[in-house]
Amino acid sequence: MVLDAWYAVGEYGLTHAASGQSIAFVAIGAMLVGSIGWSKGEGEQVKKGEELGWFAYGGSTVVCVFPPGLVEFDEYLRTTSLDGIESLVKVRARGADVS
C-alpha cells in the first residue's frame, strides 16, 4: 500500500495523519503465536515502512478497516477479491491509493 503517515492511538486504533480519520488495525495471532509485541506506543507516529509491531513465533495476519473513501484498492485486488480468487501480493507491492 502507498501510505503517508499514521499515528498509533492504541493497540487497535490508528489515525491517518493527513485526514484525521480513524482506522481500525487488528493484529490476529494464528495458532501457536506466543504474543503480539508493539514497537510504537500511544501518540507515536508510524511512517511508511516503519515497524509497528511483531508476532512472536508463528504465522499471523492483520486486518485494517478504513472509512469509506479513504482507500481505493487497485483493480487487481478488487477483481480477484470479488471473484473469490487468492491474490498474489509481494512484499512492498503497491495495492491501494490513500486519499
N, C-alpha and C. Protein backbone atom coordinates (compact mmCIF):
# COMPACT_ATOMS: atom_id res chain seq x y z
N MET A 1 0.83 -1.18 0.00
CA MET A 1 0.00 0.00 0.00
C MET A 1 0.87 1.24 0.00
N VAL A 2 0.36 2.28 -0.54
CA VAL A 2 1.05 3.56 -0.50
C VAL A 2 0.41 4.37 0.62
N LEU A 3 1.13 4.56 1.70
CA LEU A 3 0.60 5.26 2.87
C LEU A 3 1.48 6.45 3.19
N ASP A 4 0.89 7.49 3.74
CA ASP A 4 1.66 8.67 4.15
C ASP A 4 2.22 8.43 5.55
N ALA A 5 1.51 8.85 6.56
CA ALA A 5 1.95 8.65 7.93
C ALA A 5 0.74 8.27 8.78
N TRP A 6 0.97 7.47 9.79
CA TRP A 6 -0.09 7.00 10.67
C TRP A 6 0.35 7.26 12.10
N TYR A 7 -0.58 7.49 12.98
CA TYR A 7 -0.26 7.66 14.39
C TYR A 7 -0.85 6.50 15.17
N ALA A 8 -0.06 5.89 16.04
CA ALA A 8 -0.57 4.83 16.89
C ALA A 8 -1.40 5.47 18.00
N VAL A 9 -2.66 5.09 18.09
CA VAL A 9 -3.55 5.64 19.10
C VAL A 9 -3.69 4.67 20.25
N GLY A 10 -3.58 3.43 19.98
CA GLY A 10 -3.68 2.36 20.96
C GLY A 10 -3.36 1.08 20.24
N GLU A 11 -3.62 -0.03 20.87
CA GLU A 11 -3.28 -1.29 20.23
C GLU A 11 -4.05 -1.53 18.93
N TYR A 12 -5.26 -1.03 18.84
CA TYR A 12 -6.06 -1.34 17.68
C TYR A 12 -6.56 -0.11 16.94
N GLY A 13 -6.23 1.08 17.37
CA GLY A 13 -6.73 2.27 16.71
C GLY A 13 -5.61 3.11 16.15
N LEU A 14 -5.76 3.53 14.90
CA LEU A 14 -4.80 4.41 14.26
C LEU A 14 -5.54 5.61 13.71
N THR A 15 -4.83 6.70 13.53
CA THR A 15 -5.40 7.88 12.89
C THR A 15 -4.56 8.22 11.69
N HIS A 16 -5.19 8.38 10.53
CA HIS A 16 -4.48 8.79 9.32
C HIS A 16 -4.10 10.25 9.50
N ALA A 17 -2.80 10.55 9.43
CA ALA A 17 -2.29 11.88 9.76
C ALA A 17 -2.84 12.97 8.85
N ALA A 18 -2.93 12.71 7.55
CA ALA A 18 -3.35 13.75 6.61
C ALA A 18 -4.82 14.10 6.74
N SER A 19 -5.68 13.11 7.01
CA SER A 19 -7.12 13.36 7.04
C SER A 19 -7.71 13.42 8.44
N GLY A 20 -6.99 12.86 9.42
CA GLY A 20 -7.51 12.81 10.79
C GLY A 20 -8.56 11.72 11.00
N GLN A 21 -8.80 10.88 9.99
CA GLN A 21 -9.80 9.82 10.11
C GLN A 21 -9.26 8.62 10.88
N SER A 22 -10.13 7.98 11.63
CA SER A 22 -9.75 6.80 12.40
C SER A 22 -9.73 5.55 11.53
N ILE A 23 -8.83 4.64 11.87
CA ILE A 23 -8.67 3.37 11.16
C ILE A 23 -8.57 2.27 12.20
N ALA A 24 -9.27 1.17 11.99
CA ALA A 24 -9.15 0.01 12.88
C ALA A 24 -8.03 -0.88 12.37
N PHE A 25 -7.11 -1.25 13.25
CA PHE A 25 -5.99 -2.12 12.91
C PHE A 25 -5.98 -3.25 13.93
N VAL A 26 -6.23 -4.46 13.48
CA VAL A 26 -6.32 -5.60 14.39
C VAL A 26 -5.24 -6.62 14.01
N ALA A 27 -4.37 -6.91 14.96
CA ALA A 27 -3.35 -7.95 14.77
C ALA A 27 -3.94 -9.28 15.23
N ILE A 28 -3.91 -10.27 14.36
CA ILE A 28 -4.51 -11.57 14.66
C ILE A 28 -3.41 -12.61 14.73
N GLY A 29 -3.17 -13.12 15.90
CA GLY A 29 -2.16 -14.17 16.09
C GLY A 29 -2.74 -15.52 15.74
N ALA A 30 -2.14 -16.20 14.79
CA ALA A 30 -2.60 -17.52 14.39
C ALA A 30 -2.22 -18.56 15.46
N MET A 31 -2.59 -19.77 15.21
CA MET A 31 -2.31 -20.84 16.17
C MET A 31 -0.82 -20.90 16.50
N LEU A 32 -0.50 -21.06 17.73
CA LEU A 32 0.86 -21.17 18.27
C LEU A 32 1.60 -19.82 18.38
N VAL A 33 0.94 -18.70 18.14
CA VAL A 33 1.59 -17.41 18.34
C VAL A 33 1.66 -17.16 19.84
N GLY A 34 2.88 -16.93 20.32
CA GLY A 34 3.07 -16.72 21.75
C GLY A 34 2.54 -15.38 22.21
N SER A 35 2.79 -14.32 21.42
CA SER A 35 2.32 -12.99 21.79
C SER A 35 2.46 -12.05 20.61
N ILE A 36 1.87 -10.87 20.76
CA ILE A 36 1.98 -9.81 19.78
C ILE A 36 2.66 -8.65 20.48
N GLY A 37 3.77 -8.17 19.91
CA GLY A 37 4.50 -7.05 20.50
C GLY A 37 4.29 -5.79 19.69
N TRP A 38 4.31 -4.64 20.35
CA TRP A 38 4.11 -3.35 19.69
C TRP A 38 5.35 -2.50 19.82
N SER A 39 5.85 -1.99 18.71
CA SER A 39 7.04 -1.14 18.69
C SER A 39 6.72 0.31 19.02
N LYS A 40 5.49 0.70 18.78
CA LYS A 40 5.08 2.09 18.97
C LYS A 40 4.05 2.16 20.09
N GLY A 41 4.07 3.27 20.80
CA GLY A 41 3.11 3.48 21.87
C GLY A 41 2.08 4.52 21.47
N GLU A 42 1.14 4.76 22.35
CA GLU A 42 0.07 5.71 22.09
C GLU A 42 0.63 7.09 21.76
N GLY A 43 0.15 7.67 20.67
CA GLY A 43 0.56 9.00 20.26
C GLY A 43 1.82 9.06 19.42
N GLU A 44 2.52 7.94 19.25
CA GLU A 44 3.73 7.93 18.44
C GLU A 44 3.39 7.82 16.96
N GLN A 45 4.16 8.49 16.12
CA GLN A 45 3.93 8.47 14.68
C GLN A 45 4.59 7.24 14.07
N VAL A 46 3.88 6.63 13.11
CA VAL A 46 4.40 5.49 12.36
C VAL A 46 4.42 5.90 10.90
N LYS A 47 5.61 5.89 10.31
CA LYS A 47 5.73 6.28 8.90
C LYS A 47 5.80 5.04 8.02
N LYS A 48 5.56 5.25 6.74
CA LYS A 48 5.60 4.18 5.75
C LYS A 48 6.90 3.39 5.89
N GLY A 49 6.77 2.07 5.99
CA GLY A 49 7.93 1.20 6.06
C GLY A 49 8.46 0.95 7.47
N GLU A 50 8.01 1.71 8.46
CA GLU A 50 8.48 1.51 9.83
C GLU A 50 7.76 0.33 10.48
N GLU A 51 8.44 -0.29 11.42
CA GLU A 51 7.84 -1.39 12.16
C GLU A 51 6.80 -0.85 13.13
N LEU A 52 5.63 -1.46 13.14
CA LEU A 52 4.58 -1.13 14.09
C LEU A 52 4.56 -2.14 15.22
N GLY A 53 4.90 -3.38 14.89
CA GLY A 53 4.91 -4.44 15.89
C GLY A 53 5.37 -5.74 15.29
N TRP A 54 5.20 -6.83 16.04
CA TRP A 54 5.65 -8.13 15.58
C TRP A 54 4.83 -9.23 16.23
N PHE A 55 4.86 -10.40 15.58
CA PHE A 55 4.24 -11.59 16.12
C PHE A 55 5.37 -12.48 16.63
N ALA A 56 5.28 -12.89 17.88
CA ALA A 56 6.31 -13.74 18.48
C ALA A 56 5.96 -15.20 18.21
N TYR A 57 6.67 -15.80 17.28
CA TYR A 57 6.55 -17.21 16.95
C TYR A 57 5.24 -17.53 16.25
N GLY A 58 5.31 -17.96 15.04
CA GLY A 58 4.13 -18.43 14.32
C GLY A 58 3.64 -17.48 13.25
N GLY A 59 2.77 -17.98 12.39
CA GLY A 59 2.21 -17.18 11.32
C GLY A 59 0.98 -16.41 11.77
N SER A 60 0.78 -15.25 11.22
CA SER A 60 -0.31 -14.39 11.64
C SER A 60 -0.72 -13.46 10.52
N THR A 61 -1.68 -12.58 10.79
CA THR A 61 -2.13 -11.62 9.81
C THR A 61 -2.63 -10.37 10.52
N VAL A 62 -2.95 -9.36 9.75
CA VAL A 62 -3.57 -8.16 10.29
C VAL A 62 -4.79 -7.82 9.44
N VAL A 63 -5.75 -7.16 10.06
CA VAL A 63 -6.94 -6.67 9.37
C VAL A 63 -7.00 -5.17 9.58
N CYS A 64 -7.13 -4.43 8.49
CA CYS A 64 -7.28 -2.97 8.57
C CYS A 64 -8.65 -2.61 8.02
N VAL A 65 -9.38 -1.79 8.77
CA VAL A 65 -10.70 -1.34 8.34
C VAL A 65 -10.63 0.17 8.17
N PHE A 66 -10.91 0.63 6.95
CA PHE A 66 -10.80 2.05 6.60
C PHE A 66 -12.17 2.67 6.44
N PRO A 67 -12.31 3.96 6.76
CA PRO A 67 -13.58 4.64 6.50
C PRO A 67 -13.82 4.77 4.99
N PRO A 68 -15.08 4.85 4.57
CA PRO A 68 -15.38 4.98 3.14
C PRO A 68 -14.65 6.16 2.50
N GLY A 69 -14.07 5.91 1.32
CA GLY A 69 -13.43 6.97 0.55
C GLY A 69 -11.98 7.25 0.89
N LEU A 70 -11.45 6.67 1.97
CA LEU A 70 -10.05 6.95 2.34
C LEU A 70 -9.08 6.13 1.49
N VAL A 71 -9.44 4.90 1.17
CA VAL A 71 -8.55 4.00 0.43
C VAL A 71 -9.24 3.53 -0.84
N GLU A 72 -8.51 3.56 -1.95
CA GLU A 72 -9.01 2.98 -3.20
C GLU A 72 -8.06 1.85 -3.60
N PHE A 73 -8.54 0.62 -3.49
CA PHE A 73 -7.72 -0.54 -3.80
C PHE A 73 -7.53 -0.67 -5.30
N ASP A 74 -6.36 -1.19 -5.70
CA ASP A 74 -6.06 -1.39 -7.11
C ASP A 74 -7.05 -2.37 -7.75
N GLU A 75 -7.23 -2.23 -9.05
CA GLU A 75 -8.18 -3.04 -9.81
C GLU A 75 -7.92 -4.54 -9.63
N TYR A 76 -6.65 -4.94 -9.63
CA TYR A 76 -6.29 -6.36 -9.49
C TYR A 76 -6.86 -6.92 -8.18
N LEU A 77 -6.69 -6.20 -7.08
CA LEU A 77 -7.17 -6.69 -5.79
C LEU A 77 -8.70 -6.70 -5.74
N ARG A 78 -9.32 -5.67 -6.30
CA ARG A 78 -10.79 -5.64 -6.33
C ARG A 78 -11.35 -6.80 -7.13
N THR A 79 -10.78 -7.06 -8.32
CA THR A 79 -11.27 -8.11 -9.20
C THR A 79 -11.09 -9.49 -8.58
N THR A 80 -9.90 -9.78 -8.10
CA THR A 80 -9.65 -11.12 -7.53
C THR A 80 -10.47 -11.33 -6.26
N SER A 81 -10.66 -10.29 -5.47
CA SER A 81 -11.47 -10.42 -4.26
C SER A 81 -12.93 -10.72 -4.59
N LEU A 82 -13.48 -9.97 -5.54
CA LEU A 82 -14.88 -10.18 -5.93
C LEU A 82 -15.09 -11.55 -6.55
N ASP A 83 -14.07 -12.07 -7.24
CA ASP A 83 -14.16 -13.38 -7.87
C ASP A 83 -13.81 -14.52 -6.91
N GLY A 84 -13.43 -14.18 -5.67
CA GLY A 84 -13.08 -15.21 -4.69
C GLY A 84 -11.78 -15.91 -5.00
N ILE A 85 -10.88 -15.21 -5.69
CA ILE A 85 -9.59 -15.78 -6.07
C ILE A 85 -8.51 -15.23 -5.15
N GLU A 86 -7.60 -16.11 -4.73
CA GLU A 86 -6.48 -15.66 -3.90
C GLU A 86 -5.63 -14.67 -4.70
N SER A 87 -5.23 -13.57 -4.07
CA SER A 87 -4.42 -12.55 -4.72
C SER A 87 -2.95 -12.74 -4.37
N LEU A 88 -2.09 -12.75 -5.37
CA LEU A 88 -0.65 -12.82 -5.14
C LEU A 88 -0.15 -11.39 -4.91
N VAL A 89 0.31 -11.12 -3.70
CA VAL A 89 0.82 -9.79 -3.36
C VAL A 89 2.20 -9.96 -2.76
N LYS A 90 3.19 -9.39 -3.41
CA LYS A 90 4.56 -9.49 -2.93
C LYS A 90 4.85 -8.39 -1.90
N VAL A 91 5.85 -8.63 -1.06
CA VAL A 91 6.25 -7.66 -0.05
C VAL A 91 6.56 -6.32 -0.70
N ARG A 92 6.05 -5.25 -0.13
CA ARG A 92 6.23 -3.87 -0.58
C ARG A 92 5.56 -3.57 -1.93
N ALA A 93 4.66 -4.46 -2.35
CA ALA A 93 3.93 -4.24 -3.60
C ALA A 93 2.85 -3.17 -3.38
N ARG A 94 2.59 -2.41 -4.40
CA ARG A 94 1.53 -1.41 -4.34
C ARG A 94 0.18 -2.12 -4.36
N GLY A 95 -0.76 -1.65 -3.54
CA GLY A 95 -2.06 -2.28 -3.51
C GLY A 95 -3.22 -1.30 -3.44
N ALA A 96 -2.91 -0.03 -3.14
CA ALA A 96 -4.00 0.94 -2.99
C ALA A 96 -3.46 2.35 -2.99
N ASP A 97 -4.38 3.30 -3.19
CA ASP A 97 -4.08 4.72 -3.01
C ASP A 97 -4.83 5.21 -1.79
N VAL A 98 -4.20 6.05 -1.00
CA VAL A 98 -4.82 6.63 0.18
C VAL A 98 -5.06 8.10 -0.07
N SER A 99 -6.30 8.55 0.19
CA SER A 99 -6.65 9.96 -0.03
C SER A 99 -5.88 10.87 0.93
